[in-house]
N, C-alpha and C. Protein backbone atom coordinates (compact mmCIF):
# COMPACT_ATOMS: atom_id res chain seq x y z
N MET A 1 36.62 25.01 3.28
CA MET A 1 38.06 25.04 3.02
C MET A 1 38.44 26.10 1.99
N LYS A 2 37.46 26.75 1.40
CA LYS A 2 37.68 27.61 0.24
C LYS A 2 38.67 28.72 0.50
N ASN A 3 38.61 29.36 1.67
CA ASN A 3 39.49 30.49 1.95
C ASN A 3 40.65 30.12 2.88
N ARG A 4 40.78 28.86 3.17
CA ARG A 4 41.79 28.42 4.14
C ARG A 4 43.15 28.15 3.49
N PHE A 5 43.15 27.79 2.20
CA PHE A 5 44.39 27.34 1.57
C PHE A 5 44.74 28.15 0.33
N ASP A 6 46.04 28.31 0.10
CA ASP A 6 46.55 28.94 -1.12
C ASP A 6 47.17 27.93 -2.06
N LEU A 7 47.68 26.84 -1.50
CA LEU A 7 48.42 25.83 -2.26
C LEU A 7 47.80 24.45 -2.01
N ILE A 8 47.52 23.74 -3.09
CA ILE A 8 47.03 22.36 -3.00
C ILE A 8 48.06 21.45 -3.64
N ILE A 9 48.60 20.54 -2.86
CA ILE A 9 49.61 19.59 -3.35
C ILE A 9 48.93 18.24 -3.55
N PHE A 10 49.04 17.70 -4.73
CA PHE A 10 48.43 16.42 -5.06
C PHE A 10 49.48 15.32 -5.17
N ASP A 11 49.13 14.14 -4.69
CA ASP A 11 49.81 12.94 -5.13
C ASP A 11 49.39 12.70 -6.58
N TRP A 12 50.08 11.81 -7.28
CA TRP A 12 49.75 11.54 -8.68
C TRP A 12 49.00 10.22 -8.84
N ASP A 13 49.69 9.11 -8.66
CA ASP A 13 49.10 7.79 -8.90
C ASP A 13 47.99 7.49 -7.89
N GLY A 14 46.81 7.16 -8.41
CA GLY A 14 45.69 6.81 -7.54
C GLY A 14 44.93 8.00 -7.01
N THR A 15 45.49 9.19 -7.19
CA THR A 15 44.83 10.43 -6.74
C THR A 15 44.29 11.21 -7.93
N LEU A 16 45.14 11.43 -8.93
CA LEU A 16 44.72 12.14 -10.13
C LEU A 16 44.56 11.20 -11.33
N ILE A 17 45.33 10.12 -11.32
CA ILE A 17 45.32 9.20 -12.46
C ILE A 17 45.02 7.78 -12.00
N ASP A 18 44.26 7.07 -12.79
CA ASP A 18 43.79 5.73 -12.45
C ASP A 18 44.86 4.70 -12.84
N SER A 19 45.88 4.58 -12.01
CA SER A 19 47.06 3.78 -12.37
C SER A 19 47.42 2.71 -11.35
N ILE A 20 46.69 2.62 -10.26
CA ILE A 20 47.09 1.72 -9.18
C ILE A 20 47.10 0.26 -9.61
N ASP A 21 46.09 -0.15 -10.35
CA ASP A 21 46.04 -1.55 -10.80
C ASP A 21 47.24 -1.88 -11.67
N TRP A 22 47.58 -0.99 -12.58
CA TRP A 22 48.72 -1.22 -13.47
C TRP A 22 50.03 -1.31 -12.68
N ILE A 23 50.24 -0.43 -11.74
CA ILE A 23 51.47 -0.45 -10.94
C ILE A 23 51.57 -1.74 -10.13
N ALA A 24 50.46 -2.12 -9.50
CA ALA A 24 50.46 -3.36 -8.69
C ALA A 24 50.77 -4.57 -9.55
N ARG A 25 50.18 -4.64 -10.75
CA ARG A 25 50.44 -5.77 -11.65
C ARG A 25 51.89 -5.78 -12.11
N CYS A 26 52.46 -4.60 -12.34
CA CYS A 26 53.87 -4.54 -12.75
C CYS A 26 54.80 -5.00 -11.64
N LEU A 27 54.45 -4.67 -10.40
CA LEU A 27 55.23 -5.16 -9.27
C LEU A 27 55.15 -6.68 -9.17
N GLN A 28 53.97 -7.24 -9.34
CA GLN A 28 53.81 -8.69 -9.32
C GLN A 28 54.56 -9.35 -10.46
N ASN A 29 54.50 -8.74 -11.65
CA ASN A 29 55.21 -9.31 -12.81
C ASN A 29 56.72 -9.27 -12.61
N ALA A 30 57.22 -8.21 -11.97
CA ALA A 30 58.66 -8.13 -11.70
C ALA A 30 59.10 -9.28 -10.80
N ALA A 31 58.26 -9.60 -9.81
CA ALA A 31 58.57 -10.73 -8.93
C ALA A 31 58.57 -12.04 -9.71
N ASN A 32 57.58 -12.22 -10.55
CA ASN A 32 57.49 -13.45 -11.35
C ASN A 32 58.68 -13.58 -12.28
N ASP A 33 59.07 -12.48 -12.93
CA ASP A 33 60.17 -12.51 -13.90
C ASP A 33 61.50 -12.83 -13.25
N THR A 34 61.66 -12.48 -11.98
CA THR A 34 62.94 -12.69 -11.29
C THR A 34 62.87 -13.85 -10.30
N ARG A 35 61.79 -14.61 -10.37
CA ARG A 35 61.61 -15.82 -9.55
C ARG A 35 61.60 -15.53 -8.05
N HIS A 36 61.00 -14.41 -7.69
CA HIS A 36 60.72 -14.12 -6.29
C HIS A 36 59.27 -14.47 -6.00
N ALA A 37 58.97 -14.63 -4.73
CA ALA A 37 57.58 -14.89 -4.35
C ALA A 37 56.72 -13.71 -4.78
N ILE A 38 55.61 -14.01 -5.45
CA ILE A 38 54.75 -12.94 -5.96
C ILE A 38 53.89 -12.38 -4.84
N PRO A 39 53.99 -11.08 -4.57
CA PRO A 39 53.17 -10.50 -3.49
C PRO A 39 51.70 -10.49 -3.87
N ASP A 40 50.84 -10.58 -2.87
CA ASP A 40 49.42 -10.49 -3.18
C ASP A 40 49.09 -9.06 -3.61
N TYR A 41 47.92 -8.92 -4.21
CA TYR A 41 47.55 -7.64 -4.83
C TYR A 41 47.53 -6.49 -3.83
N GLN A 42 46.94 -6.71 -2.65
CA GLN A 42 46.87 -5.63 -1.66
C GLN A 42 48.25 -5.24 -1.15
N SER A 43 49.12 -6.22 -0.96
CA SER A 43 50.48 -5.90 -0.52
C SER A 43 51.20 -5.04 -1.54
N ALA A 44 50.98 -5.34 -2.82
CA ALA A 44 51.57 -4.53 -3.88
C ALA A 44 51.00 -3.12 -3.86
N LYS A 45 49.70 -2.99 -3.63
CA LYS A 45 49.08 -1.66 -3.55
C LYS A 45 49.59 -0.87 -2.35
N ASP A 46 49.85 -1.57 -1.25
CA ASP A 46 50.22 -0.90 -0.01
C ASP A 46 51.52 -0.10 -0.12
N VAL A 47 52.42 -0.51 -1.01
CA VAL A 47 53.72 0.18 -1.10
C VAL A 47 53.73 1.28 -2.15
N ILE A 48 52.64 1.41 -2.91
CA ILE A 48 52.58 2.46 -3.93
C ILE A 48 52.55 3.82 -3.24
N GLY A 49 53.40 4.71 -3.71
CA GLY A 49 53.56 6.02 -3.09
C GLY A 49 54.97 6.19 -2.54
N LEU A 50 55.58 5.07 -2.13
CA LEU A 50 56.99 5.10 -1.75
C LEU A 50 57.84 5.21 -3.01
N SER A 51 59.10 5.58 -2.86
CA SER A 51 59.99 5.49 -4.01
C SER A 51 60.04 4.04 -4.45
N ILE A 52 60.34 3.79 -5.71
CA ILE A 52 60.31 2.42 -6.22
C ILE A 52 61.31 1.53 -5.47
N GLU A 53 62.45 2.10 -5.10
CA GLU A 53 63.44 1.30 -4.35
C GLU A 53 62.91 0.91 -2.98
N LYS A 54 62.28 1.85 -2.28
CA LYS A 54 61.72 1.54 -0.97
C LYS A 54 60.52 0.59 -1.10
N ALA A 55 59.75 0.75 -2.15
CA ALA A 55 58.61 -0.14 -2.37
C ALA A 55 59.07 -1.58 -2.59
N ILE A 56 60.08 -1.75 -3.43
CA ILE A 56 60.61 -3.08 -3.70
C ILE A 56 61.22 -3.68 -2.43
N ALA A 57 61.99 -2.86 -1.70
CA ALA A 57 62.61 -3.35 -0.46
C ALA A 57 61.56 -3.77 0.56
N ALA A 58 60.45 -3.04 0.62
CA ALA A 58 59.38 -3.39 1.56
C ALA A 58 58.67 -4.68 1.15
N LEU A 59 58.49 -4.87 -0.16
CA LEU A 59 57.82 -6.07 -0.64
C LEU A 59 58.70 -7.31 -0.54
N PHE A 60 60.01 -7.10 -0.69
CA PHE A 60 60.95 -8.22 -0.71
C PHE A 60 62.06 -7.97 0.32
N PRO A 61 61.74 -8.08 1.61
CA PRO A 61 62.69 -7.70 2.66
C PRO A 61 63.97 -8.55 2.69
N ASP A 62 63.93 -9.74 2.08
CA ASP A 62 65.13 -10.59 2.08
C ASP A 62 66.00 -10.35 0.86
N ALA A 63 65.58 -9.48 -0.05
CA ALA A 63 66.37 -9.22 -1.26
C ALA A 63 67.58 -8.37 -0.93
N ASN A 64 68.73 -8.74 -1.52
CA ASN A 64 69.93 -7.91 -1.33
C ASN A 64 69.92 -6.76 -2.33
N GLU A 65 70.93 -5.92 -2.27
CA GLU A 65 70.93 -4.71 -3.09
C GLU A 65 70.86 -5.02 -4.58
N ASN A 66 71.64 -6.03 -5.02
CA ASN A 66 71.62 -6.40 -6.44
C ASN A 66 70.25 -6.91 -6.86
N GLU A 67 69.63 -7.70 -5.99
CA GLU A 67 68.30 -8.23 -6.30
C GLU A 67 67.26 -7.11 -6.36
N VAL A 68 67.37 -6.14 -5.45
CA VAL A 68 66.46 -4.99 -5.49
C VAL A 68 66.61 -4.25 -6.81
N ASN A 69 67.85 -4.01 -7.22
CA ASN A 69 68.09 -3.30 -8.47
C ASN A 69 67.54 -4.06 -9.67
N THR A 70 67.66 -5.38 -9.64
CA THR A 70 67.12 -6.20 -10.73
C THR A 70 65.60 -6.13 -10.75
N LEU A 71 64.99 -6.21 -9.59
CA LEU A 71 63.53 -6.10 -9.50
C LEU A 71 63.06 -4.73 -10.00
N VAL A 72 63.77 -3.68 -9.61
CA VAL A 72 63.41 -2.33 -10.07
C VAL A 72 63.48 -2.26 -11.59
N GLY A 73 64.52 -2.83 -12.16
CA GLY A 73 64.67 -2.81 -13.61
C GLY A 73 63.54 -3.51 -14.32
N HIS A 74 63.13 -4.67 -13.81
CA HIS A 74 62.01 -5.41 -14.42
C HIS A 74 60.70 -4.65 -14.24
N TYR A 75 60.53 -4.05 -13.08
CA TYR A 75 59.32 -3.25 -12.86
C TYR A 75 59.24 -2.10 -13.86
N GLU A 76 60.33 -1.36 -13.99
CA GLU A 76 60.32 -0.18 -14.87
C GLU A 76 60.12 -0.57 -16.32
N LYS A 77 60.70 -1.70 -16.74
CA LYS A 77 60.49 -2.16 -18.12
C LYS A 77 59.02 -2.43 -18.37
N ALA A 78 58.37 -3.08 -17.41
CA ALA A 78 56.94 -3.38 -17.56
C ALA A 78 56.11 -2.10 -17.50
N TYR A 79 56.42 -1.24 -16.53
CA TYR A 79 55.62 -0.03 -16.34
C TYR A 79 55.65 0.87 -17.57
N PHE A 80 56.82 1.09 -18.13
CA PHE A 80 56.96 2.01 -19.26
C PHE A 80 56.50 1.40 -20.58
N SER A 81 56.10 0.13 -20.57
CA SER A 81 55.59 -0.49 -21.80
C SER A 81 54.19 0.00 -22.15
N LYS A 82 53.53 0.63 -21.20
CA LYS A 82 52.18 1.15 -21.42
C LYS A 82 52.23 2.65 -21.66
N LYS A 83 51.63 3.09 -22.74
CA LYS A 83 51.55 4.51 -23.04
C LYS A 83 50.24 5.06 -22.51
N ILE A 84 50.31 6.12 -21.73
CA ILE A 84 49.10 6.70 -21.15
C ILE A 84 48.69 7.95 -21.90
N SER A 85 47.49 8.42 -21.62
CA SER A 85 46.97 9.63 -22.23
C SER A 85 46.09 10.35 -21.22
N ARG A 86 45.52 11.46 -21.62
CA ARG A 86 44.63 12.20 -20.72
C ARG A 86 43.45 11.34 -20.27
N ASP A 87 43.07 10.37 -21.08
CA ASP A 87 41.94 9.50 -20.73
C ASP A 87 42.21 8.67 -19.49
N ASP A 88 43.49 8.54 -19.11
CA ASP A 88 43.82 7.76 -17.91
C ASP A 88 43.61 8.54 -16.62
N LEU A 89 43.47 9.86 -16.72
CA LEU A 89 43.10 10.63 -15.54
C LEU A 89 41.71 10.21 -15.08
N PHE A 90 41.44 10.28 -13.78
CA PHE A 90 40.09 10.02 -13.32
C PHE A 90 39.14 11.02 -13.98
N THR A 91 37.93 10.56 -14.25
CA THR A 91 36.94 11.39 -14.93
C THR A 91 36.77 12.74 -14.22
N GLY A 92 36.90 13.81 -14.98
CA GLY A 92 36.70 15.15 -14.44
C GLY A 92 37.92 15.79 -13.83
N VAL A 93 39.01 15.06 -13.67
CA VAL A 93 40.19 15.61 -12.99
C VAL A 93 40.81 16.77 -13.75
N PHE A 94 40.95 16.64 -15.07
CA PHE A 94 41.58 17.71 -15.84
C PHE A 94 40.80 19.01 -15.69
N ASP A 95 39.49 18.93 -15.85
CA ASP A 95 38.64 20.13 -15.72
C ASP A 95 38.72 20.71 -14.31
N MET A 96 38.78 19.84 -13.31
CA MET A 96 38.89 20.31 -11.93
C MET A 96 40.20 21.07 -11.70
N LEU A 97 41.30 20.51 -12.20
CA LEU A 97 42.59 21.17 -12.04
C LEU A 97 42.61 22.53 -12.74
N GLU A 98 42.06 22.58 -13.94
CA GLU A 98 41.97 23.86 -14.65
C GLU A 98 41.15 24.88 -13.86
N ALA A 99 40.04 24.42 -13.29
CA ALA A 99 39.17 25.33 -12.53
C ALA A 99 39.85 25.81 -11.26
N LEU A 100 40.56 24.93 -10.58
CA LEU A 100 41.29 25.33 -9.37
C LEU A 100 42.33 26.40 -9.69
N LYS A 101 43.08 26.18 -10.76
CA LYS A 101 44.10 27.16 -11.15
C LYS A 101 43.44 28.48 -11.55
N LYS A 102 42.35 28.40 -12.30
CA LYS A 102 41.64 29.62 -12.72
C LYS A 102 41.13 30.40 -11.52
N ASN A 103 40.77 29.68 -10.44
CA ASN A 103 40.26 30.31 -9.24
C ASN A 103 41.37 30.80 -8.31
N GLY A 104 42.60 30.74 -8.75
CA GLY A 104 43.69 31.36 -8.02
C GLY A 104 44.52 30.46 -7.13
N TYR A 105 44.23 29.16 -7.12
CA TYR A 105 45.01 28.25 -6.28
C TYR A 105 46.31 27.87 -6.98
N LEU A 106 47.39 27.80 -6.20
CA LEU A 106 48.63 27.22 -6.68
C LEU A 106 48.51 25.70 -6.56
N LEU A 107 48.98 24.99 -7.57
CA LEU A 107 48.89 23.53 -7.59
C LEU A 107 50.29 22.94 -7.70
N ALA A 108 50.50 21.82 -7.03
CA ALA A 108 51.80 21.15 -7.07
C ALA A 108 51.58 19.64 -7.01
N ILE A 109 52.64 18.90 -7.33
CA ILE A 109 52.63 17.44 -7.25
C ILE A 109 53.75 16.99 -6.32
N ALA A 110 53.45 16.04 -5.43
CA ALA A 110 54.45 15.36 -4.60
C ALA A 110 54.22 13.86 -4.79
N THR A 111 55.16 13.18 -5.41
CA THR A 111 54.92 11.81 -5.83
C THR A 111 56.11 10.90 -5.55
N GLY A 112 55.81 9.63 -5.40
CA GLY A 112 56.85 8.63 -5.27
C GLY A 112 57.43 8.21 -6.60
N LYS A 113 56.90 8.73 -7.70
CA LYS A 113 57.41 8.40 -9.02
C LYS A 113 58.82 8.95 -9.21
N THR A 114 59.51 8.43 -10.21
CA THR A 114 60.78 9.03 -10.62
C THR A 114 60.49 10.28 -11.45
N ARG A 115 61.50 11.13 -11.59
CA ARG A 115 61.33 12.32 -12.44
C ARG A 115 61.00 11.91 -13.87
N GLU A 116 61.67 10.90 -14.38
CA GLU A 116 61.39 10.43 -15.74
C GLU A 116 59.93 9.99 -15.87
N GLY A 117 59.46 9.23 -14.89
CA GLY A 117 58.09 8.73 -14.95
C GLY A 117 57.06 9.83 -14.86
N LEU A 118 57.27 10.80 -13.96
CA LEU A 118 56.30 11.87 -13.83
C LEU A 118 56.30 12.78 -15.05
N ASP A 119 57.48 13.13 -15.55
CA ASP A 119 57.54 14.01 -16.72
C ASP A 119 56.82 13.38 -17.91
N GLU A 120 57.02 12.10 -18.10
CA GLU A 120 56.33 11.41 -19.19
C GLU A 120 54.82 11.47 -18.99
N ALA A 121 54.38 11.25 -17.75
CA ALA A 121 52.94 11.25 -17.45
C ALA A 121 52.33 12.64 -17.62
N LEU A 122 53.04 13.67 -17.16
CA LEU A 122 52.53 15.04 -17.29
C LEU A 122 52.37 15.44 -18.75
N HIS A 123 53.36 15.11 -19.57
CA HIS A 123 53.27 15.45 -20.99
C HIS A 123 52.19 14.64 -21.69
N ALA A 124 52.08 13.36 -21.34
CA ALA A 124 51.08 12.50 -21.98
C ALA A 124 49.66 12.92 -21.66
N THR A 125 49.46 13.49 -20.46
CA THR A 125 48.12 13.91 -20.05
C THR A 125 47.87 15.40 -20.29
N GLY A 126 48.87 16.12 -20.76
CA GLY A 126 48.70 17.54 -21.05
C GLY A 126 48.50 18.39 -19.82
N THR A 127 49.12 18.01 -18.71
CA THR A 127 48.92 18.71 -17.43
C THR A 127 50.15 19.48 -16.96
N VAL A 128 51.19 19.54 -17.77
CA VAL A 128 52.44 20.18 -17.35
C VAL A 128 52.21 21.60 -16.82
N ASP A 129 51.45 22.38 -17.56
CA ASP A 129 51.31 23.79 -17.25
C ASP A 129 50.36 24.09 -16.09
N LEU A 130 49.72 23.06 -15.56
CA LEU A 130 48.77 23.28 -14.47
C LEU A 130 49.46 23.36 -13.11
N PHE A 131 50.70 22.90 -13.03
CA PHE A 131 51.39 22.81 -11.75
C PHE A 131 52.55 23.78 -11.65
N SER A 132 52.64 24.46 -10.50
CA SER A 132 53.71 25.43 -10.28
C SER A 132 55.04 24.76 -9.99
N ILE A 133 55.00 23.58 -9.39
CA ILE A 133 56.21 22.83 -9.06
C ILE A 133 55.82 21.38 -8.85
N THR A 134 56.72 20.48 -9.17
CA THR A 134 56.52 19.05 -8.90
C THR A 134 57.78 18.50 -8.26
N ARG A 135 57.59 17.55 -7.35
CA ARG A 135 58.73 16.91 -6.70
C ARG A 135 58.55 15.40 -6.74
N CYS A 136 59.67 14.71 -7.01
CA CYS A 136 59.66 13.25 -7.17
C CYS A 136 60.61 12.60 -6.17
N ALA A 137 60.35 11.33 -5.92
CA ALA A 137 61.10 10.64 -4.86
C ALA A 137 62.57 10.48 -5.17
N ASP A 138 62.94 10.44 -6.47
CA ASP A 138 64.35 10.23 -6.79
C ASP A 138 65.18 11.51 -6.76
N GLU A 139 64.55 12.65 -6.44
CA GLU A 139 65.29 13.90 -6.33
C GLU A 139 65.21 14.49 -4.93
N THR A 140 64.59 13.77 -4.01
CA THR A 140 64.47 14.21 -2.62
C THR A 140 64.24 12.97 -1.76
N GLN A 141 63.67 13.12 -0.59
CA GLN A 141 63.37 11.97 0.27
C GLN A 141 62.05 11.30 -0.14
N SER A 142 61.97 10.00 0.05
CA SER A 142 60.73 9.27 -0.22
C SER A 142 59.70 9.56 0.86
N LYS A 143 58.43 9.49 0.48
CA LYS A 143 57.36 9.52 1.48
C LYS A 143 57.58 8.38 2.46
N PRO A 144 57.19 8.54 3.73
CA PRO A 144 56.45 9.66 4.30
C PRO A 144 57.32 10.78 4.88
N HIS A 145 58.62 10.78 4.53
CA HIS A 145 59.47 11.90 4.95
C HIS A 145 58.88 13.20 4.39
N PRO A 146 58.87 14.27 5.16
CA PRO A 146 58.21 15.51 4.71
C PRO A 146 59.04 16.39 3.77
N LYS A 147 60.25 15.95 3.42
CA LYS A 147 61.15 16.86 2.71
C LYS A 147 60.57 17.38 1.40
N MET A 148 59.90 16.53 0.62
CA MET A 148 59.40 17.03 -0.67
C MET A 148 58.33 18.10 -0.47
N LEU A 149 57.52 17.97 0.56
CA LEU A 149 56.53 19.01 0.87
C LEU A 149 57.22 20.28 1.34
N GLU A 150 58.22 20.13 2.16
CA GLU A 150 58.96 21.30 2.65
C GLU A 150 59.64 22.04 1.51
N GLU A 151 60.18 21.30 0.56
CA GLU A 151 60.83 21.93 -0.59
C GLU A 151 59.82 22.70 -1.44
N ILE A 152 58.64 22.12 -1.63
CA ILE A 152 57.59 22.80 -2.40
C ILE A 152 57.17 24.09 -1.70
N MET A 153 56.93 24.02 -0.40
CA MET A 153 56.50 25.21 0.35
C MET A 153 57.57 26.29 0.34
N THR A 154 58.82 25.89 0.48
CA THR A 154 59.92 26.85 0.47
C THR A 154 60.02 27.53 -0.89
N HIS A 155 59.93 26.75 -1.95
CA HIS A 155 60.04 27.29 -3.31
C HIS A 155 58.93 28.30 -3.59
N LEU A 156 57.71 27.99 -3.15
CA LEU A 156 56.56 28.85 -3.43
C LEU A 156 56.31 29.89 -2.33
N ARG A 157 57.08 29.81 -1.25
CA ARG A 157 56.99 30.75 -0.14
C ARG A 157 55.56 30.78 0.45
N ILE A 158 55.05 29.59 0.70
CA ILE A 158 53.73 29.43 1.29
C ILE A 158 53.88 28.80 2.68
N LEU A 159 53.24 29.36 3.67
CA LEU A 159 53.32 28.83 5.03
C LEU A 159 52.54 27.53 5.15
N PRO A 160 52.97 26.62 6.03
CA PRO A 160 52.30 25.33 6.16
C PRO A 160 50.80 25.42 6.43
N GLU A 161 50.37 26.42 7.19
CA GLU A 161 48.95 26.51 7.51
C GLU A 161 48.09 26.89 6.31
N ARG A 162 48.73 27.26 5.19
CA ARG A 162 47.99 27.62 3.96
C ARG A 162 48.11 26.55 2.89
N VAL A 163 48.54 25.35 3.31
CA VAL A 163 48.82 24.27 2.36
C VAL A 163 47.97 23.04 2.67
N LEU A 164 47.47 22.40 1.61
CA LEU A 164 46.68 21.17 1.72
C LEU A 164 47.31 20.08 0.88
N MET A 165 47.46 18.88 1.46
CA MET A 165 47.92 17.70 0.74
C MET A 165 46.73 16.82 0.41
N VAL A 166 46.63 16.37 -0.83
CA VAL A 166 45.55 15.47 -1.26
C VAL A 166 46.17 14.17 -1.76
N GLY A 167 45.80 13.05 -1.13
CA GLY A 167 46.40 11.79 -1.53
C GLY A 167 45.53 10.59 -1.25
N ASP A 168 45.89 9.47 -1.90
CA ASP A 168 45.09 8.25 -1.80
C ASP A 168 45.71 7.19 -0.91
N SER A 169 46.88 7.47 -0.36
CA SER A 169 47.56 6.45 0.44
C SER A 169 47.89 6.96 1.84
N THR A 170 48.11 6.02 2.73
CA THR A 170 48.52 6.39 4.09
C THR A 170 49.88 7.07 4.08
N HIS A 171 50.71 6.77 3.07
CA HIS A 171 52.02 7.42 2.97
C HIS A 171 51.85 8.92 2.73
N ASP A 172 50.87 9.28 1.91
CA ASP A 172 50.60 10.69 1.63
C ASP A 172 50.16 11.42 2.89
N LEU A 173 49.23 10.81 3.61
CA LEU A 173 48.67 11.48 4.78
C LEU A 173 49.67 11.53 5.94
N GLN A 174 50.50 10.50 6.07
CA GLN A 174 51.55 10.54 7.09
C GLN A 174 52.59 11.60 6.74
N MET A 175 52.90 11.75 5.48
CA MET A 175 53.82 12.79 5.05
C MET A 175 53.27 14.17 5.41
N ALA A 176 51.97 14.37 5.19
CA ALA A 176 51.34 15.64 5.54
C ALA A 176 51.46 15.92 7.03
N ILE A 177 51.19 14.90 7.84
CA ILE A 177 51.34 15.04 9.30
C ILE A 177 52.78 15.42 9.64
N ASN A 178 53.74 14.74 9.02
CA ASN A 178 55.15 15.01 9.31
C ASN A 178 55.57 16.42 8.91
N ALA A 179 54.88 16.98 7.90
CA ALA A 179 55.20 18.33 7.44
C ALA A 179 54.38 19.39 8.16
N GLY A 180 53.44 18.97 8.99
CA GLY A 180 52.63 19.93 9.72
C GLY A 180 51.58 20.62 8.88
N ILE A 181 51.06 19.93 7.85
CA ILE A 181 50.04 20.53 7.00
C ILE A 181 48.77 19.68 7.02
N ALA A 182 47.66 20.28 6.61
CA ALA A 182 46.39 19.57 6.57
C ALA A 182 46.33 18.65 5.36
N SER A 183 45.41 17.69 5.41
CA SER A 183 45.29 16.74 4.30
C SER A 183 43.84 16.40 4.01
N VAL A 184 43.63 15.90 2.81
CA VAL A 184 42.36 15.30 2.40
C VAL A 184 42.70 13.94 1.80
N GLY A 185 42.00 12.91 2.24
CA GLY A 185 42.18 11.58 1.69
C GLY A 185 41.24 11.34 0.53
N VAL A 186 41.69 10.52 -0.41
CA VAL A 186 40.87 10.15 -1.56
C VAL A 186 40.89 8.63 -1.68
N ALA A 187 39.74 8.01 -1.48
CA ALA A 187 39.66 6.55 -1.47
C ALA A 187 39.47 6.00 -2.88
N SER A 188 40.36 6.43 -3.78
CA SER A 188 40.26 6.02 -5.18
C SER A 188 41.47 5.22 -5.63
N GLY A 189 42.37 4.92 -4.70
CA GLY A 189 43.61 4.29 -5.10
C GLY A 189 44.09 3.19 -4.19
N SER A 190 45.18 3.45 -3.48
CA SER A 190 45.87 2.40 -2.72
C SER A 190 45.11 1.93 -1.49
N HIS A 191 44.50 2.87 -0.75
CA HIS A 191 43.94 2.51 0.55
C HIS A 191 42.49 2.94 0.68
N GLU A 192 41.75 2.15 1.47
CA GLU A 192 40.33 2.40 1.68
C GLU A 192 40.13 3.54 2.67
N ALA A 193 38.89 4.03 2.71
CA ALA A 193 38.57 5.18 3.56
C ALA A 193 38.87 4.92 5.03
N ASP A 194 38.58 3.72 5.52
CA ASP A 194 38.79 3.45 6.94
C ASP A 194 40.27 3.53 7.32
N GLN A 195 41.15 3.17 6.38
CA GLN A 195 42.59 3.30 6.63
C GLN A 195 43.02 4.76 6.60
N LEU A 196 42.52 5.50 5.64
CA LEU A 196 42.89 6.90 5.50
C LEU A 196 42.41 7.72 6.68
N LEU A 197 41.23 7.41 7.19
CA LEU A 197 40.66 8.19 8.29
C LEU A 197 41.47 8.09 9.57
N GLN A 198 42.29 7.06 9.69
CA GLN A 198 43.14 6.92 10.87
C GLN A 198 44.19 8.05 10.94
N TYR A 199 44.41 8.73 9.81
CA TYR A 199 45.41 9.80 9.76
C TYR A 199 44.78 11.18 9.86
N GLN A 200 43.51 11.22 10.23
CA GLN A 200 42.77 12.44 10.55
C GLN A 200 42.80 13.49 9.42
N PRO A 201 42.47 13.09 8.20
CA PRO A 201 42.33 14.10 7.15
C PRO A 201 41.10 14.97 7.42
N LEU A 202 41.08 16.14 6.82
CA LEU A 202 39.90 17.01 6.97
C LEU A 202 38.66 16.36 6.38
N HIS A 203 38.84 15.66 5.28
CA HIS A 203 37.76 14.93 4.62
C HIS A 203 38.36 13.68 4.01
N CYS A 204 37.51 12.69 3.75
CA CYS A 204 37.92 11.53 2.98
C CYS A 204 36.91 11.39 1.84
N LEU A 205 37.36 11.65 0.62
CA LEU A 205 36.49 11.69 -0.54
C LEU A 205 36.51 10.35 -1.27
N SER A 206 35.43 10.04 -1.93
CA SER A 206 35.38 8.79 -2.70
C SER A 206 36.10 8.93 -4.03
N ASN A 207 36.17 10.15 -4.57
CA ASN A 207 36.92 10.40 -5.79
C ASN A 207 37.45 11.84 -5.76
N PRO A 208 38.52 12.12 -6.51
CA PRO A 208 39.19 13.41 -6.38
C PRO A 208 38.34 14.60 -6.80
N THR A 209 37.41 14.41 -7.73
CA THR A 209 36.65 15.56 -8.22
C THR A 209 35.64 16.08 -7.20
N GLU A 210 35.47 15.39 -6.09
CA GLU A 210 34.63 15.92 -5.01
C GLU A 210 35.24 17.18 -4.40
N LEU A 211 36.49 17.47 -4.73
CA LEU A 211 37.11 18.72 -4.29
C LEU A 211 36.36 19.93 -4.85
N TRP A 212 35.67 19.75 -5.98
CA TRP A 212 34.85 20.82 -6.55
C TRP A 212 33.94 21.43 -5.48
N LEU A 213 33.35 20.54 -4.68
CA LEU A 213 32.36 20.99 -3.70
C LEU A 213 32.96 21.89 -2.64
N HIS A 214 34.25 21.74 -2.40
CA HIS A 214 34.91 22.45 -1.31
C HIS A 214 35.68 23.70 -1.75
N PHE A 215 36.03 23.79 -3.04
CA PHE A 215 36.91 24.86 -3.47
C PHE A 215 36.38 25.73 -4.61
N ILE A 216 35.41 25.25 -5.35
CA ILE A 216 34.98 25.97 -6.54
C ILE A 216 33.49 26.23 -6.49
N ASP A 217 33.07 27.47 -6.71
CA ASP A 217 31.66 27.84 -6.71
C ASP A 217 30.95 27.18 -7.89
């Protein structure tokens, strides 16, 4: 894959940072706090990657708009109560991103997080300057709609055949399919390898730093 791509677009949660457990627990706590049925752990993981509004609506299909907004508020209060740092990145991820950029690859983020949430995470982990552009679900369409990928490619003037999406969820890989770009699955977050492989990624890695083997000498 070394000479095939110019731009590598990463998901954030579960792909670069070890946050899936925390997000799932915050979703469960939001349900408990608002007296809704608490989703099981896997169901909570399954919606990670969608915008928070779509995730809540998927978990609680009978909730009306006001109830969804209340659940979102409780989720965000719980989520932002934890301060993260570079140590929350998966082991080796920071060095890998630096090496990819040094080797001439453009890097970007496409995430279901809000702009507020991603900006806080980027600054806390010291990764702001590693990415040429980032797109969040609250400023464009939620995954698996391809719009955020299309906006990134348009901004950087990179053709789809020169772009790779790296993600840990089926939402990431379906978004890549919808945008007409290649993907690599990472079984470090929301979904297991057997689920990711159904979306025909070029590879399915056990952890994100295995990208070293494919892109960096």
